[in-house]
Amino acid sequence: MEIIYSNSKLEKQCNNEKDAKKLFGGNESLALSLLARINALKAAEVLKDIIVQTNFHFHNLHDKGKSKYQGYFAIDVKSRKDPWRIILRPLDDNKEPFDPCNIDEIASVVEIVEIEEVSKHYE
């Protein structure tokens, strides 16, 4: 799968162990988990390959009526117990967001995702 990053700093954090450790305050375990998740996304043929892996806990982001996370999804960086998530959205072949974004209908054809952020977005 092709990955697009929302900015170059995020791309470095997701692809370089030193930058990932800095993001997580020196936590090597989280940094290595992030790099592994990114590698899994890259290795996937389509988004459905990620969705079916229950340990990723792929889920829709509902922002309680706000549109900030409309069409975005998240996967765990490490586990459900840890608050860090990779926020992403599926893109079509023209690298545009799906509208509407019905994940059940598009998951088996999505080959491009944009990573918006890695954060504790629930806090």
C-alpha atoms as a PDB file:
ATOM      1  CA  MET A   1       0.000   0.000   0.000  1.00  0.00           C
ATOM      2  CA  GLU A   2       1.138   3.525  -0.692  1.00  0.00           C
ATOM      3  CA  ILE A   3       1.392   5.853   2.300  1.00  0.00           C
ATOM      4  CA  ILE A   4       1.161   9.627   2.096  1.00  0.00           C
ATOM      5  CA  TYR A   5       2.039  11.698   5.155  1.00  0.00           C
ATOM      6  CA  SER A   6       0.401  14.984   6.137  1.00  0.00           C
ATOM      7  CA  ASN A   7       3.850  16.569   6.626  1.00  0.00           C
ATOM      8  CA  SER A   8       7.564  15.768   6.429  1.00  0.00           C
ATOM      9  CA  LYS A   9       8.067  15.757  10.216  1.00  0.00           C
ATOM     10  CA  LEU A  10       5.433  13.040  10.569  1.00  0.00           C
ATOM     11  CA  GLU A  11       7.021  11.050   7.755  1.00  0.00           C
ATOM     12  CA  LYS A  12      10.367  11.119   9.595  1.00  0.00           C
ATOM     13  CA  GLN A  13       8.714  10.068  12.862  1.00  0.00           C
ATOM     14  CA  CYS A  14       7.057   7.117  11.124  1.00  0.00           C
ATOM     15  CA  ASN A  15      10.165   5.934   9.288  1.00  0.00           C
ATOM     16  CA  ASN A  16      13.136   6.707  11.513  1.00  0.00           C
ATOM     17  CA  GLU A  17      13.672   5.062  14.897  1.00  0.00           C
ATOM     18  CA  LYS A  18      15.432   8.101  16.378  1.00  0.00           C
ATOM     19  CA  ASP A  19      12.582  10.448  15.389  1.00  0.00           C
ATOM     20  CA  ALA A  20       9.970   7.935  16.566  1.00  0.00           C
ATOM     21  CA  LYS A  21      11.663   7.638  19.966  1.00  0.00           C
ATOM     22  CA  LYS A  22      11.674  11.423  20.266  1.00  0.00           C
ATOM     23  CA  LEU A  23       7.919  11.494  19.521  1.00  0.00           C
ATOM     24  CA  PHE A  24       7.308   9.037  22.363  1.00  0.00           C
ATOM     25  CA  GLY A  25       9.602  10.726  24.877  1.00  0.00           C
ATOM     26  CA  GLY A  26      12.358   8.155  24.471  1.00  0.00           C
ATOM     27  CA  ASN A  27      10.102   5.092  24.696  1.00  0.00           C
ATOM     28  CA  GLU A  28      11.837   2.572  22.438  1.00  0.00           C
ATOM     29  CA  SER A  29       9.036   0.016  22.668  1.00  0.00           C
ATOM     30  CA  LEU A  30       6.471   2.463  21.274  1.00  0.00           C
ATOM     31  CA  ALA A  31       8.910   3.647  18.611  1.00  0.00           C
ATOM     32  CA  LEU A  32       9.562   0.112  17.379  1.00  0.00           C
ATOM     33  CA  SER A  33       5.848  -0.663  17.428  1.00  0.00           C
ATOM     34  CA  LEU A  34       5.110   2.430  15.317  1.00  0.00           C
ATOM     35  CA  LEU A  35       7.745   1.422  12.757  1.00  0.00           C
ATOM     36  CA  ALA A  36       6.293  -2.104  12.659  1.00  0.00           C
ATOM     37  CA  ARG A  37       2.762  -0.759  12.090  1.00  0.00           C
ATOM     38  CA  ILE A  38       3.998   1.474   9.262  1.00  0.00           C
ATOM     39  CA  ASN A  39       5.807  -1.498   7.705  1.00  0.00           C
ATOM     40  CA  ALA A  40       2.599  -3.552   7.963  1.00  0.00           C
ATOM     41  CA  LEU A  41       0.683  -0.784   6.179  1.00  0.00           C
ATOM     42  CA  LYS A  42       3.325  -0.654   3.446  1.00  0.00           C
ATOM     43  CA  ALA A  43       3.230  -4.442   3.036  1.00  0.00           C
ATOM     44  CA  ALA A  44      -0.558  -4.609   2.799  1.00  0.00           C
ATOM     45  CA  GLU A  45      -2.032  -4.801  -0.683  1.00  0.00           C
ATOM     46  CA  VAL A  46      -5.308  -3.146   0.331  1.00  0.00           C
ATOM     47  CA  LEU A  47      -6.683  -1.584   3.503  1.00  0.00           C
ATOM     48  CA  LYS A  48      -8.784  -4.665   4.222  1.00  0.00           C
ATOM     49  CA  ASP A  49      -5.520  -6.540   4.935  1.00  0.00           C
ATOM     50  CA  ILE A  50      -5.076  -4.205   7.930  1.00  0.00           C
ATOM     51  CA  ILE A  51      -8.713  -4.152   9.017  1.00  0.00           C
ATOM     52  CA  VAL A  52      -8.854  -7.937   9.432  1.00  0.00           C
ATOM     53  CA  GLN A  53      -5.883  -7.927  11.828  1.00  0.00           C
ATOM     54  CA  THR A  54      -7.692  -7.566  15.138  1.00  0.00           C
ATOM     55  CA  ASN A  55      -4.542  -6.592  17.062  1.00  0.00           C
ATOM     56  CA  PHE A  56      -4.460  -3.305  15.084  1.00  0.00           C
ATOM     57  CA  HIS A  57      -7.965  -2.398  16.345  1.00  0.00           C
ATOM     58  CA  PHE A  58      -8.905  -0.503  13.193  1.00  0.00           C
ATOM     59  CA  HIS A  59     -11.778   1.817  14.061  1.00  0.00           C
ATOM     60  CA  ASN A  60     -13.751   4.757  12.746  1.00  0.00           C
ATOM     61  CA  LEU A  61     -13.224   8.092  14.447  1.00  0.00           C
ATOM     62  CA  HIS A  62     -16.425   9.700  15.589  1.00  0.00           C
ATOM     63  CA  ASP A  63     -15.852  13.256  16.697  1.00  0.00           C
ATOM     64  CA  LYS A  64     -19.266  13.734  18.330  1.00  0.00           C
ATOM     65  CA  GLY A  65     -20.782  15.915  15.641  1.00  0.00           C
ATOM     66  CA  LYS A  66     -17.582  17.727  14.688  1.00  0.00           C
ATOM     67  CA  SER A  67     -16.191  17.259  11.219  1.00  0.00           C
ATOM     68  CA  LYS A  68     -12.472  17.287  12.108  1.00  0.00           C
ATOM     69  CA  TYR A  69     -12.195  13.499  11.906  1.00  0.00           C
ATOM     70  CA  GLN A  70     -14.944  12.844   9.360  1.00  0.00           C
ATOM     71  CA  GLY A  71     -13.683  10.045   7.101  1.00  0.00           C
ATOM     72  CA  TYR A  72     -10.704   9.249   9.352  1.00  0.00           C
ATOM     73  CA  PHE A  73      -9.855   5.993  11.064  1.00  0.00           C
ATOM     74  CA  ALA A  74      -7.301   4.918  13.639  1.00  0.00           C
ATOM     75  CA  ILE A  75      -5.163   1.925  14.493  1.00  0.00           C
ATOM     76  CA  ASP A  76      -3.328   1.297  17.732  1.00  0.00           C
ATOM     77  CA  VAL A  77       0.372   2.084  17.787  1.00  0.00           C
ATOM     78  CA  LYS A  78       0.935  -0.719  20.267  1.00  0.00           C
ATOM     79  CA  SER A  79      -2.203  -1.906  22.081  1.00  0.00           C
ATOM     80  CA  ARG A  80      -5.610  -0.858  23.394  1.00  0.00           C
ATOM     81  CA  LYS A  81      -4.038  -0.177  26.793  1.00  0.00           C
ATOM     82  CA  ASP A  82      -1.722   2.444  25.314  1.00  0.00           C
ATOM     83  CA  PRO A  83      -3.356   5.744  24.236  1.00  0.00           C
ATOM     84  CA  TRP A  84      -1.283   6.298  21.073  1.00  0.00           C
ATOM     85  CA  ARG A  85      -3.054   5.941  17.714  1.00  0.00           C
ATOM     86  CA  ILE A  86      -2.131   6.287  14.053  1.00  0.00           C
ATOM     87  CA  ILE A  87      -4.807   8.487  12.464  1.00  0.00           C
ATOM     88  CA  LEU A  88      -5.324   7.760   8.770  1.00  0.00           C
ATOM     89  CA  ARG A  89      -7.798   8.114   5.966  1.00  0.00           C
ATOM     90  CA  PRO A  90      -8.275   6.074   2.822  1.00  0.00           C
ATOM     91  CA  LEU A  91      -7.638   7.786  -0.510  1.00  0.00           C
ATOM     92  CA  ASP A  92      -8.823   6.889  -3.991  1.00  0.00           C
ATOM     93  CA  ASP A  93      -6.580   6.377  -7.035  1.00  0.00           C
ATOM     94  CA  ASN A  94      -6.460  10.163  -7.533  1.00  0.00           C
ATOM     95  CA  LYS A  95      -5.211  10.558  -3.942  1.00  0.00           C
ATOM     96  CA  GLU A  96      -8.483  12.173  -2.896  1.00  0.00           C
ATOM     97  CA  PRO A  97     -10.589  11.215   0.151  1.00  0.00           C
ATOM     98  CA  PHE A  98     -13.589   8.989  -0.500  1.00  0.00           C
ATOM     99  CA  ASP A  99     -16.924  10.810  -0.280  1.00  0.00           C
ATOM    100  CA  PRO A 100     -18.847   9.182   1.205  1.00  0.00           C
ATOM    101  CA  CYS A 101     -16.320   7.059   3.039  1.00  0.00           C
ATOM    102  CA  ASN A 102     -18.169   3.785   3.578  1.00  0.00           C
ATOM    103  CA  ILE A 103     -15.300   1.595   4.720  1.00  0.00           C
ATOM    104  CA  ASP A 104     -17.241  -1.651   4.270  1.00  0.00           C
ATOM    105  CA  GLU A 105     -17.618  -0.913   0.564  1.00  0.00           C
ATOM    106  CA  ILE A 106     -14.132   0.447  -0.168  1.00  0.00           C
ATOM    107  CA  ALA A 107     -11.760  -1.530   2.089  1.00  0.00           C
ATOM    108  CA  SER A 108     -10.959  -4.140  -0.534  1.00  0.00           C
ATOM    109  CA  VAL A 109      -9.945  -1.535  -3.140  1.00  0.00           C
ATOM    110  CA  VAL A 110      -8.079   1.088  -1.080  1.00  0.00           C
ATOM    111  CA  GLU A 111      -4.390   1.004  -1.979  1.00  0.00           C
ATOM    112  CA  ILE A 112      -3.446   4.475  -0.709  1.00  0.00           C
ATOM    113  CA  VAL A 113      -3.769   5.914   2.795  1.00  0.00           C
ATOM    114  CA  GLU A 114      -2.835   9.275   4.202  1.00  0.00           C
ATOM    115  CA  ILE A 115      -1.449   9.331   7.720  1.00  0.00           C
ATOM    116  CA  GLU A 116      -2.710  12.520   9.328  1.00  0.00           C
ATOM    117  CA  GLU A 117      -1.065  12.190  12.732  1.00  0.00           C
ATOM    118  CA  VAL A 118       0.274   9.918  15.438  1.00  0.00           C
ATOM    119  CA  SER A 119      -1.229  11.102  18.673  1.00  0.00           C
ATOM    120  CA  LYS A 120      -3.165  10.498  21.829  1.00  0.00           C
ATOM    121  CA  HIS A 121      -6.225  11.888  20.064  1.00  0.00           C
ATOM    122  CA  TYR A 122      -8.590  10.877  22.859  1.00  0.00           C
ATOM    123  CA  GLU A 123      -6.921  13.262  25.305  1.00  0.00           C
END
